[in-house]
Amino acid sequence: MDWKTLSHLPLAEQRGLQNETIKKFFKTKLPFSPYYRDLFKKHHLEFEQIENIDDVQRIPFTTKQDIAPTPDDPGKTRQLILQPDESLIKKHSSKADLVKIIGRKLTGQDVKSKLEWEYKPIHIHFTTGRTSLPTAFGYTAYDLAALKETGQRLLNVSGADKNQFAINAFPYAPHLAFWLCAFAMQEVGMTSIQTGGGKILGTKKIIDALESTKAGIATFIPGYAYHVFRQSVHEKRNFSNLKTIVFGGERVSPGLREKVKELLRELGSYEPNIVATYAFTEGKTAWIQCHETSGYHLYPDMEFFEVIDKDGNRVPEGNPGELVFTSIGWRGTVVARYRTGDMTQGIEYRPCPHCGRTVPRIHPDIQRTSEIKEFHLTKVKGELVNLNEFYPLLSSRPDIEEWQVEIRKENNDSYGLDQLVIHIAPKANASFVDVAQRIEKIILDEMGVRALMHETSLDDLLVKLGMETEVKEKRIVDNRPKV
């Protein structure tokens, strides 16, 4: 079904399509996964028992710990790759699938080529590996076609015009953001430059490209976009044609959006559409807003999302909880009932008030539970600090140019108390003393911890952040010595 039709399909018809897709995927595709064959056998489940969205609740959760590579098992993720062989195909493929493979008197080479196109991984993305070794997720030729399709959908929802010139400023790496945007722009037919970000092309050349091409759309990590636009204002550049900004890789607070808009106004772009994406490597694609206050528009033929409470029970529609993801339209590396660790305020099912699309939307305020850490900040152990809170708190401040949070040990003593240090480069017209006092009080009042404030020049802080050298700027660094 084409996206224009699917995105405006009544919810009941979407559910019917999703149930049909789930039934087929679990009966004829997921049995090719060694990991899920073992999991289903262990829990006395049959793949044929999963016929609709309600049946999905019977499946045990998969977590990051279940799939992340370890030094003892670095190839752990391979068990999540769909790996059909002759006996599995005969056992689990439907008659229609078998007809497609062998019913037209295909030669052995034809069958092999068809199976390789659908199931052989030829492209790999990695997780960032912040809490473990990077996890590889493989894409087959079938998947790359799906990735391009979802990329077209993403740009369609964003409102981008294919006749605009596009600049992809996501960092070049085997990560989802860069490749999804590159494929999407090419598939839509946009003329584009894949810059690779500040580490590859460099900020100056990206600024030159934005101006000289009269780019209409640009994709960025939010913190890097602010850096680029700030430098562009300093150089008195003209970005009057820039109409759409797509952010990914970080949360985008309303305050940061306003700071970016203020810079864009100075660059001649007065009514830009600044939209954010939601993505994680295990999901294999990204979802986007149509408007800065809308949710992330989903693809019900490609995946099934549910929301669970702290006890693992599915919550009623629209209620908050943790997002759980099940792949139903992918090959290569796939996951079912995967706990993302991302907390949402819920999934909306009424038509979007901004664009009228009827596909479900994840509420835009998403927080990652992996960013909640324990620190020994006082003699009372177990002080929990939600690192997510620093992003909207510090990025939205009009009196702060740049910031970084450092976690370190007092006197570098491995067994001493932890220290939370906020490195701040204040705006040129702001007093560091005044800024520091305000931030220190807000952190104490809202987070219950005392932080040390440290003034750092903008140039030095940009180096600390790795703005021009890292794939993604280092906003929160843990410099505590390993015990």
Protein backbone atom coordinates (compact mmCIF):
# COMPACT_ATOMS: atom_id res chain seq x y z
CA MET A 1 0.00 0.00 0.00
CA ASP A 2 1.39 3.42 -0.93
CA TRP A 3 2.19 5.88 1.88
CA LYS A 4 -0.38 8.49 0.84
CA THR A 5 -3.17 5.92 1.21
CA LEU A 6 -1.77 4.26 4.33
CA SER A 7 -1.15 7.53 6.17
CA HIS A 8 -4.81 8.51 5.83
CA LEU A 9 -6.33 5.05 6.38
CA PRO A 10 -9.01 4.78 9.10
CA LEU A 11 -7.60 3.34 12.33
CA ALA A 12 -9.72 0.19 12.14
CA GLU A 13 -8.31 -0.60 8.68
CA GLN A 14 -4.78 0.10 9.91
CA ARG A 15 -5.32 -2.38 12.74
CA GLY A 16 -6.57 -4.99 10.27
CA LEU A 17 -3.51 -4.47 8.09
CA GLN A 18 -1.21 -4.64 11.12
CA ASN A 19 -2.81 -7.83 12.44
CA GLU A 20 -2.46 -9.45 9.01
CA THR A 21 1.19 -8.39 8.77
CA ILE A 22 1.96 -9.58 12.31
CA LYS A 23 0.40 -12.98 11.66
CA LYS A 24 2.40 -13.49 8.47
CA PHE A 25 5.67 -12.22 9.96
CA PHE A 26 5.51 -14.47 13.00
CA LYS A 27 4.42 -17.50 11.03
CA THR A 28 6.71 -17.24 8.00
CA LYS A 29 9.67 -14.94 8.84
CA LEU A 30 10.60 -14.80 12.53
CA PRO A 31 11.13 -18.60 12.73
CA PHE A 32 14.28 -17.97 10.67
CA SER A 33 15.80 -16.20 13.70
CA PRO A 34 17.96 -18.51 15.89
CA TYR A 35 17.46 -16.23 18.89
CA TYR A 36 13.66 -16.26 18.70
CA ARG A 37 13.45 -19.98 17.89
CA ASP A 38 15.31 -20.62 21.17
CA LEU A 39 13.23 -18.05 23.06
CA PHE A 40 9.90 -19.45 21.86
CA LYS A 41 10.99 -23.01 22.61
CA LYS A 42 12.15 -22.03 26.10
CA HIS A 43 8.75 -20.47 26.88
CA HIS A 44 6.70 -23.20 25.15
CA LEU A 45 5.36 -20.83 22.50
CA GLU A 46 4.53 -21.53 18.87
CA PHE A 47 5.02 -18.86 16.20
CA GLU A 48 1.54 -19.65 14.84
CA GLN A 49 0.04 -18.50 18.15
CA ILE A 50 0.90 -14.86 17.39
CA GLU A 51 -1.91 -13.70 15.12
CA ASN A 52 -2.61 -10.08 16.15
CA ILE A 53 -1.46 -7.13 18.29
CA ASP A 54 -2.99 -8.63 21.43
CA ASP A 55 -1.16 -11.94 20.97
CA VAL A 56 2.14 -10.05 20.90
CA GLN A 57 1.79 -9.66 24.69
CA ARG A 58 2.47 -13.41 25.05
CA ILE A 59 6.08 -12.93 23.89
CA PRO A 60 8.79 -12.40 26.55
CA PHE A 61 10.59 -9.07 26.33
CA THR A 62 13.95 -8.68 24.64
CA THR A 63 16.32 -6.17 26.27
CA LYS A 64 19.61 -4.49 25.41
CA GLN A 65 21.36 -6.93 27.76
CA ASP A 66 19.95 -9.86 25.78
CA ILE A 67 21.45 -8.72 22.48
CA ALA A 68 24.49 -6.54 23.29
CA PRO A 69 27.86 -8.12 22.44
CA THR A 70 30.21 -9.01 25.26
CA PRO A 71 33.96 -9.68 25.30
CA ASP A 72 33.12 -13.39 25.66
CA ASP A 73 30.52 -13.32 22.87
CA PRO A 74 31.29 -10.45 20.44
CA GLY A 75 29.11 -11.96 17.72
CA LYS A 76 26.02 -12.27 19.90
CA THR A 77 23.81 -10.16 17.62
CA ARG A 78 24.18 -12.62 14.75
CA GLN A 79 21.56 -14.79 16.43
CA LEU A 80 19.01 -12.04 15.67
CA ILE A 81 19.57 -12.25 11.91
CA LEU A 82 16.91 -14.08 9.89
CA GLN A 83 18.75 -17.12 8.50
CA PRO A 84 16.50 -19.37 6.41
CA ASP A 85 17.68 -22.75 5.17
CA GLU A 86 15.89 -25.31 3.05
CA SER A 87 14.23 -27.13 5.93
CA LEU A 88 13.08 -23.91 7.64
CA ILE A 89 11.69 -22.53 4.38
CA LYS A 90 9.69 -25.70 3.72
CA LYS A 91 8.44 -25.77 7.31
CA HIS A 92 7.44 -22.13 7.74
CA SER A 93 6.92 -20.52 4.34
CA SER A 94 3.38 -20.14 3.11
CA LYS A 95 2.27 -21.72 -0.15
CA ALA A 96 2.23 -18.27 -1.72
CA ASP A 97 5.85 -17.70 -0.70
CA LEU A 98 6.89 -21.09 -2.03
CA VAL A 99 5.18 -20.33 -5.35
CA LYS A 100 7.15 -17.10 -5.56
CA ILE A 101 10.38 -19.01 -4.98
CA ILE A 102 9.89 -22.24 -6.91
CA GLY A 103 6.48 -22.09 -8.60
CA ARG A 104 7.68 -20.42 -11.77
CA LYS A 105 10.25 -23.10 -12.54
CA LEU A 106 13.07 -20.93 -11.31
CA THR A 107 16.57 -22.27 -11.65
CA GLY A 108 18.67 -22.96 -8.57
CA GLN A 109 20.59 -19.76 -9.24
CA ASP A 110 17.35 -17.76 -9.42
CA VAL A 111 16.23 -19.13 -6.06
CA LYS A 112 19.59 -18.34 -4.51
CA SER A 113 19.53 -14.76 -5.85
CA LYS A 114 16.00 -14.21 -4.59
CA LEU A 115 16.88 -15.50 -1.11
CA GLU A 116 20.08 -13.45 -0.98
CA TRP A 117 18.19 -10.28 -1.97
CA GLU A 118 15.73 -10.79 0.85
CA TYR A 119 17.90 -12.28 3.59
CA LYS A 120 21.65 -11.70 3.08
CA PRO A 121 22.90 -8.72 5.18
CA ILE A 122 24.90 -6.34 2.96
CA HIS A 123 24.87 -3.13 5.01
CA ILE A 124 25.48 -2.64 8.73
CA HIS A 125 24.69 0.06 11.30
CA PHE A 126 25.99 0.12 14.85
CA THR A 127 24.67 1.41 18.15
CA THR A 128 26.89 4.01 19.82
CA GLY A 129 28.04 1.49 22.43
CA ARG A 130 27.92 3.92 25.37
CA THR A 131 26.99 1.26 27.89
CA SER A 132 28.38 -1.82 26.11
CA LEU A 133 30.21 -2.89 22.99
CA PRO A 134 28.60 -1.46 19.81
CA THR A 135 25.76 -3.67 18.58
CA ALA A 136 25.61 -4.42 14.84
CA PHE A 137 22.29 -4.40 12.97
CA GLY A 138 22.35 -5.81 9.45
CA TYR A 139 20.31 -4.67 6.46
CA THR A 140 19.60 -6.86 3.44
CA ALA A 141 18.89 -5.52 -0.06
CA TYR A 142 15.20 -5.91 0.87
CA ASP A 143 15.84 -3.77 3.98
CA LEU A 144 17.65 -1.06 2.05
CA ALA A 145 14.61 -0.76 -0.21
CA ALA A 146 12.47 -0.48 2.95
CA LEU A 147 14.87 2.09 4.44
CA LYS A 148 14.57 4.23 1.31
CA GLU A 149 10.78 3.91 1.44
CA THR A 150 10.62 5.01 5.09
CA GLY A 151 13.06 7.81 4.25
CA GLN A 152 10.64 9.06 1.59
CA ARG A 153 7.85 8.90 4.15
CA LEU A 154 9.93 10.86 6.65
CA LEU A 155 10.60 13.67 4.19
CA ASN A 156 6.95 13.65 3.11
CA VAL A 157 5.77 14.10 6.71
CA SER A 158 8.31 16.89 7.27
CA GLY A 159 6.77 18.87 4.42
CA ALA A 160 10.05 19.13 2.53
CA ASP A 161 9.85 20.06 -1.15
CA LYS A 162 11.83 17.69 -3.38
CA ASN A 163 12.80 20.65 -5.57
CA GLN A 164 14.68 22.23 -2.66
CA PHE A 165 18.44 21.78 -2.37
CA ALA A 166 19.27 19.62 0.65
CA ILE A 167 22.26 19.56 3.02
CA ASN A 168 22.80 16.46 5.17
CA ALA A 169 25.00 17.61 8.07
CA PHE A 170 24.64 14.44 10.14
CA PRO A 171 28.06 12.94 10.94
CA TYR A 172 29.35 10.31 8.57
CA ALA A 173 29.51 6.97 10.40
CA PRO A 174 27.94 3.49 10.21
CA HIS A 175 24.98 4.96 12.10
CA LEU A 176 21.34 5.35 11.11
CA ALA A 177 20.98 9.16 10.90
CA PHE A 178 23.49 9.81 8.14
CA TRP A 179 22.49 6.87 5.94
CA LEU A 180 18.75 7.28 6.29
CA CYS A 181 18.96 10.93 5.23
CA ALA A 182 21.35 10.17 2.38
CA PHE A 183 19.11 7.41 1.02
CA ALA A 184 15.94 9.45 1.58
CA MET A 185 17.21 12.51 -0.30
CA GLN A 186 18.38 10.37 -3.21
CA GLU A 187 15.16 8.36 -3.34
CA VAL A 188 12.97 11.47 -3.31
CA GLY A 189 15.08 12.96 -6.08
CA MET A 190 16.53 15.89 -4.17
CA THR A 191 19.80 17.46 -5.21
CA SER A 192 21.86 17.15 -2.04
CA ILE A 193 25.28 17.29 -0.44
CA GLN A 194 26.15 14.57 2.07
CA THR A 195 28.64 16.57 4.14
CA GLY A 196 29.52 13.99 6.81
CA GLY A 197 29.24 16.74 9.43
CA GLY A 198 31.89 18.94 11.00
CA LYS A 199 34.37 16.10 11.40
CA ILE A 200 34.40 15.33 7.65
CA LEU A 201 33.60 18.41 5.54
CA GLY A 202 34.13 20.94 8.32
CA THR A 203 31.90 23.73 9.62
CA LYS A 204 33.19 26.45 7.27
CA LYS A 205 32.49 24.42 4.13
CA ILE A 206 29.06 23.40 5.44
CA ILE A 207 28.22 27.06 6.01
CA ASP A 208 29.47 27.89 2.51
CA ALA A 209 27.32 25.09 1.08
CA LEU A 210 24.19 26.23 2.91
CA GLU A 211 24.58 29.73 1.51
CA SER A 212 25.90 29.08 -2.00
CA THR A 213 23.35 26.36 -2.86
CA LYS A 214 20.45 28.33 -1.35
CA ALA A 215 19.56 25.15 0.56
CA GLY A 216 15.90 24.73 1.49
CA ILE A 217 16.30 21.79 3.89
CA ALA A 218 19.10 20.74 6.23
CA THR A 219 19.50 17.87 8.67
CA PHE A 220 21.53 18.21 11.89
CA ILE A 221 22.25 17.02 15.38
CA PRO A 222 20.68 19.93 17.35
CA GLY A 223 23.79 21.03 19.24
CA TYR A 224 25.84 21.11 16.06
CA ALA A 225 23.14 23.08 14.22
CA TYR A 226 23.25 25.74 16.92
CA HIS A 227 27.03 25.92 16.52
CA VAL A 228 26.77 26.24 12.70
CA PHE A 229 24.07 28.92 12.83
CA ARG A 230 25.85 30.88 15.55
CA GLN A 231 29.02 30.97 13.44
CA SER A 232 26.96 31.89 10.36
CA VAL A 233 25.43 34.87 12.16
CA HIS A 234 28.92 35.99 13.16
CA GLU A 235 29.90 35.84 9.47
CA LYS A 236 26.67 37.62 8.40
CA ARG A 237 25.59 34.82 6.05
CA ASN A 238 22.28 34.60 4.17
CA PHE A 239 20.12 31.48 4.67
CA SER A 240 16.84 33.04 3.52
CA ASN A 241 15.91 29.95 1.49
CA LEU A 242 16.25 27.57 4.43
CA LYS A 243 12.69 26.46 5.22
CA THR A 244 12.99 23.02 6.87
CA ILE A 245 15.37 21.91 9.62
CA VAL A 246 15.34 18.23 10.61
CA PHE A 247 16.93 17.36 13.96
CA GLY A 248 18.03 13.92 15.14
CA GLY A 249 20.27 12.30 17.72
CA GLU A 250 19.29 14.45 20.71
CA ARG A 251 16.21 15.74 22.46
CA VAL A 252 15.06 19.14 21.23
CA SER A 253 13.64 21.33 23.99
CA PRO A 254 11.28 24.25 23.20
CA GLY A 255 13.97 26.59 24.53
CA LEU A 256 16.63 25.28 22.13
CA ARG A 257 14.16 25.55 19.24
CA GLU A 258 13.63 29.21 20.09
CA LYS A 259 17.37 29.87 20.27
CA VAL A 260 17.82 28.27 16.83
CA LYS A 261 14.90 30.27 15.42
CA GLU A 262 16.42 33.47 16.76
CA LEU A 263 19.66 32.72 14.91
CA LEU A 264 17.79 31.78 11.73
CA ARG A 265 15.88 35.07 11.79
CA GLU A 266 19.22 36.87 11.83
CA LEU A 267 20.20 34.73 8.83
CA GLY A 268 17.06 35.73 6.88
CA SER A 269 14.94 32.60 7.50
CA TYR A 270 11.85 33.90 9.28
CA GLU A 271 9.37 31.00 9.38
CA PRO A 272 11.37 27.75 9.35
CA ASN A 273 9.71 24.42 10.13
CA ILE A 274 11.97 22.86 12.78
CA VAL A 275 11.02 19.22 13.31
CA ALA A 276 12.64 16.42 15.32
CA THR A 277 13.01 12.72 14.65
CA TYR A 278 12.89 9.72 16.95
CA ALA A 279 15.10 6.74 16.19
CA PHE A 280 17.12 3.91 17.69
CA THR A 281 19.40 1.50 15.86
CA GLU A 282 17.28 -1.56 16.68
CA GLY A 283 14.27 0.07 14.97
CA LYS A 284 16.23 0.35 11.67
CA THR A 285 14.56 3.64 10.65
CA ALA A 286 13.34 6.95 12.09
CA TRP A 287 10.00 8.65 12.67
CA ILE A 288 9.37 12.39 12.38
CA GLN A 289 7.10 15.24 13.40
CA CYS A 290 5.05 17.15 10.84
CA HIS A 291 5.01 20.16 13.17
CA GLU A 292 7.16 21.10 16.12
CA THR A 293 4.37 20.26 18.57
CA SER A 294 3.17 17.05 16.89
CA GLY A 295 4.17 13.52 17.75
CA TYR A 296 6.38 11.20 15.70
CA HIS A 297 4.31 9.69 12.86
CA LEU A 298 4.58 5.88 12.74
CA TYR A 299 4.55 3.28 9.92
CA PRO A 300 1.99 0.63 10.98
CA ASP A 301 2.96 -1.72 8.14
CA MET A 302 6.61 -1.77 9.27
CA GLU A 303 6.47 -2.01 13.05
CA PHE A 304 4.26 -2.34 16.10
CA PHE A 305 4.79 -0.11 19.14
CA GLU A 306 3.24 -0.66 22.53
CA VAL A 307 3.68 1.14 25.87
CA ILE A 308 4.20 -0.74 29.15
CA ASP A 309 4.26 0.21 32.83
CA LYS A 310 7.05 -0.53 35.31
CA ASP A 311 5.65 -4.04 35.84
CA GLY A 312 5.75 -4.86 32.13
CA ASN A 313 2.00 -4.63 31.57
CA ARG A 314 0.64 -2.90 28.46
CA VAL A 315 -1.00 0.40 29.41
CA PRO A 316 -4.24 1.76 27.89
CA GLU A 317 -3.91 3.86 24.75
CA GLY A 318 -2.58 7.35 25.40
CA ASN A 319 -1.04 6.50 28.80
CA PRO A 320 2.65 7.03 29.66
CA GLY A 321 5.25 4.31 30.01
CA GLU A 322 8.17 2.61 28.27
CA LEU A 323 8.13 2.10 24.51
CA VAL A 324 8.34 -1.51 23.31
CA PHE A 325 9.12 -2.19 19.65
CA THR A 326 8.35 -5.15 17.40
CA SER A 327 9.65 -5.35 13.84
CA ILE A 328 7.13 -6.73 11.35
CA GLY A 329 8.31 -5.34 8.01
CA TRP A 330 12.07 -5.91 8.07
CA ARG A 331 14.54 -8.69 7.33
CA GLY A 332 18.21 -8.93 8.33
CA THR A 333 18.54 -8.23 12.06
CA VAL A 334 15.12 -8.03 13.74
CA VAL A 335 13.75 -7.80 17.27
CA ALA A 336 10.36 -8.60 18.82
CA ARG A 337 8.97 -7.00 21.97
CA TYR A 338 12.19 -5.05 22.39
CA ARG A 339 12.28 -2.79 25.45
CA THR A 340 13.76 0.45 24.13
CA GLY A 341 14.37 2.00 27.56
CA ASP A 342 12.68 5.14 26.21
CA MET A 343 9.89 6.68 28.27
CA THR A 344 6.99 8.39 26.52
CA GLN A 345 3.87 10.23 27.58
CA GLY A 346 1.92 7.89 25.32
CA ILE A 347 0.89 7.09 21.75
CA GLU A 348 -1.85 9.18 20.12
CA TYR A 349 -4.34 7.50 17.78
CA ARG A 350 -6.65 10.36 16.79
CA PRO A 351 -5.91 12.06 13.44
CA CYS A 352 -3.04 14.54 13.59
CA PRO A 353 -4.47 18.05 14.14
CA HIS A 354 -1.69 19.57 12.02
CA CYS A 355 -1.54 17.37 8.90
CA GLY A 356 -4.61 15.15 9.15
CA ARG A 357 -2.67 11.88 8.85
CA THR A 358 -4.31 9.04 10.74
CA VAL A 359 -1.26 6.91 11.57
CA PRO A 360 -0.42 6.71 15.30
CA ARG A 361 2.04 9.21 16.76
CA ILE A 362 4.45 8.85 19.68
CA HIS A 363 4.26 11.80 22.05
CA PRO A 364 7.28 14.05 21.34
CA ASP A 365 8.59 14.16 24.92
CA ILE A 366 10.79 11.04 25.10
CA GLN A 367 13.38 10.39 27.79
CA ARG A 368 15.94 7.62 27.87
CA THR A 369 16.11 5.67 31.11
CA SER A 370 19.78 4.90 30.41
CA GLU A 371 20.49 8.53 31.25
CA ILE A 372 19.35 8.09 34.86
CA LYS A 373 22.45 7.32 36.90
CA GLU A 374 23.37 6.85 40.51
CA PHE A 375 25.96 9.10 42.12
CA HIS A 376 27.43 9.20 45.59
CA LEU A 377 27.10 12.94 45.94
CA THR A 378 26.62 12.93 49.69
CA LYS A 379 27.32 10.51 52.49
CA VAL A 380 23.87 9.11 51.84
CA LYS A 381 24.48 6.64 49.00
CA GLY A 382 22.17 6.18 46.04
CA GLU A 383 21.45 9.76 44.93
CA LEU A 384 19.71 9.39 41.55
CA VAL A 385 20.36 12.07 38.94
CA ASN A 386 18.40 12.12 35.68
CA LEU A 387 20.94 13.36 33.13
CA ASN A 388 18.10 13.96 30.63
CA GLU A 389 17.14 17.03 32.63
CA PHE A 390 20.35 18.87 31.79
CA TYR A 391 19.53 19.09 28.08
CA PRO A 392 16.38 21.24 28.25
CA LEU A 393 17.65 23.08 31.32
CA LEU A 394 20.96 24.24 29.84
CA SER A 395 20.30 24.22 26.08
CA SER A 396 17.32 26.53 26.42
CA ARG A 397 19.08 29.20 28.51
CA PRO A 398 19.36 32.50 26.57
CA ASP A 399 22.34 33.50 28.74
CA ILE A 400 24.41 30.37 27.93
CA GLU A 401 26.36 29.95 24.70
CA GLU A 402 27.58 26.37 25.28
CA TRP A 403 27.73 23.89 28.15
CA GLN A 404 29.08 20.53 29.24
CA VAL A 405 28.38 18.38 32.30
CA GLU A 406 31.36 16.56 33.80
CA ILE A 407 31.14 13.85 36.45
CA ARG A 408 34.38 13.36 38.38
CA LYS A 409 35.74 12.28 41.74
CA GLU A 410 36.71 14.77 44.42
CA ASN A 411 40.53 15.04 44.41
CA ASN A 412 40.49 12.26 41.77
CA ASP A 413 40.06 9.77 44.63
CA SER A 414 38.48 6.57 43.29
CA TYR A 415 36.70 6.04 46.62
CA GLY A 416 35.79 9.67 47.27
CA LEU A 417 32.55 11.52 46.67
CA ASP A 418 31.32 12.24 43.18
CA GLN A 419 31.31 15.79 41.88
CA LEU A 420 28.97 17.24 39.28
CA VAL A 421 30.72 20.05 37.38
CA ILE A 422 28.91 22.31 34.92
CA HIS A 423 31.25 23.93 32.41
CA ILE A 424 29.62 27.08 31.03
CA ALA A 425 30.50 29.55 28.29
CA PRO A 426 28.14 32.46 29.02
CA LYS A 427 26.79 34.77 26.35
CA ALA A 428 29.00 37.77 25.64
CA ASN A 429 26.62 40.14 27.41
CA ALA A 430 25.99 37.85 30.42
CA SER A 431 27.80 37.75 33.77
CA PHE A 432 29.17 34.29 34.61
CA VAL A 433 28.62 34.92 38.34
CA ASP A 434 24.95 35.72 37.79
CA VAL A 435 24.45 32.81 35.38
CA ALA A 436 26.23 30.37 37.71
CA GLN A 437 24.14 31.40 40.72
CA ARG A 438 20.89 30.96 38.78
CA ILE A 439 21.87 27.56 37.34
CA GLU A 440 23.20 26.28 40.67
CA LYS A 441 19.90 27.17 42.38
CA ILE A 442 17.75 25.61 39.63
CA ILE A 443 19.73 22.34 39.73
CA LEU A 444 19.50 22.21 43.52
CA ASP A 445 15.77 22.98 43.53
CA GLU A 446 14.75 20.72 40.62
CA MET A 447 17.25 17.86 40.85
CA GLY A 448 18.15 17.89 44.53
CA VAL A 449 21.92 17.95 43.99
CA ARG A 450 24.60 20.60 44.33
CA ALA A 451 26.76 21.24 41.28
CA LEU A 452 30.04 23.09 40.87
CA MET A 453 30.03 25.86 38.25
CA HIS A 454 33.10 26.39 36.07
CA GLU A 455 33.53 29.21 33.54
CA THR A 456 35.11 28.10 30.26
CA SER A 457 35.78 30.15 27.14
CA LEU A 458 33.66 29.32 24.11
CA ASP A 459 36.69 28.18 22.09
CA ASP A 460 37.93 25.88 24.86
CA LEU A 461 34.47 24.46 25.44
CA LEU A 462 34.00 23.72 21.74
CA VAL A 463 37.21 21.68 21.92
CA LYS A 464 35.97 19.87 25.07
CA LEU A 465 32.71 19.09 23.30
CA GLY A 466 34.54 17.79 20.23
CA MET A 467 32.26 19.90 18.05
CA GLU A 468 34.58 19.55 15.06
CA THR A 469 36.21 16.23 15.92
CA GLU A 470 33.59 13.87 17.37
CA VAL A 471 30.74 12.05 15.65
CA LYS A 472 28.48 13.59 18.28
CA GLU A 473 29.37 16.34 20.74
CA LYS A 474 30.21 15.17 24.26
CA ARG A 475 27.58 16.92 26.36
CA ILE A 476 27.85 14.68 29.42
CA VAL A 477 31.20 13.08 30.24
CA ASP A 478 31.98 10.70 33.07
CA ASN A 479 35.62 11.18 34.08
CA ARG A 480 35.46 9.13 37.25
CA PRO A 481 38.43 6.75 37.47
CA LYS A 482 37.64 3.09 37.04
CA VAL A 483 37.83 1.14 40.29
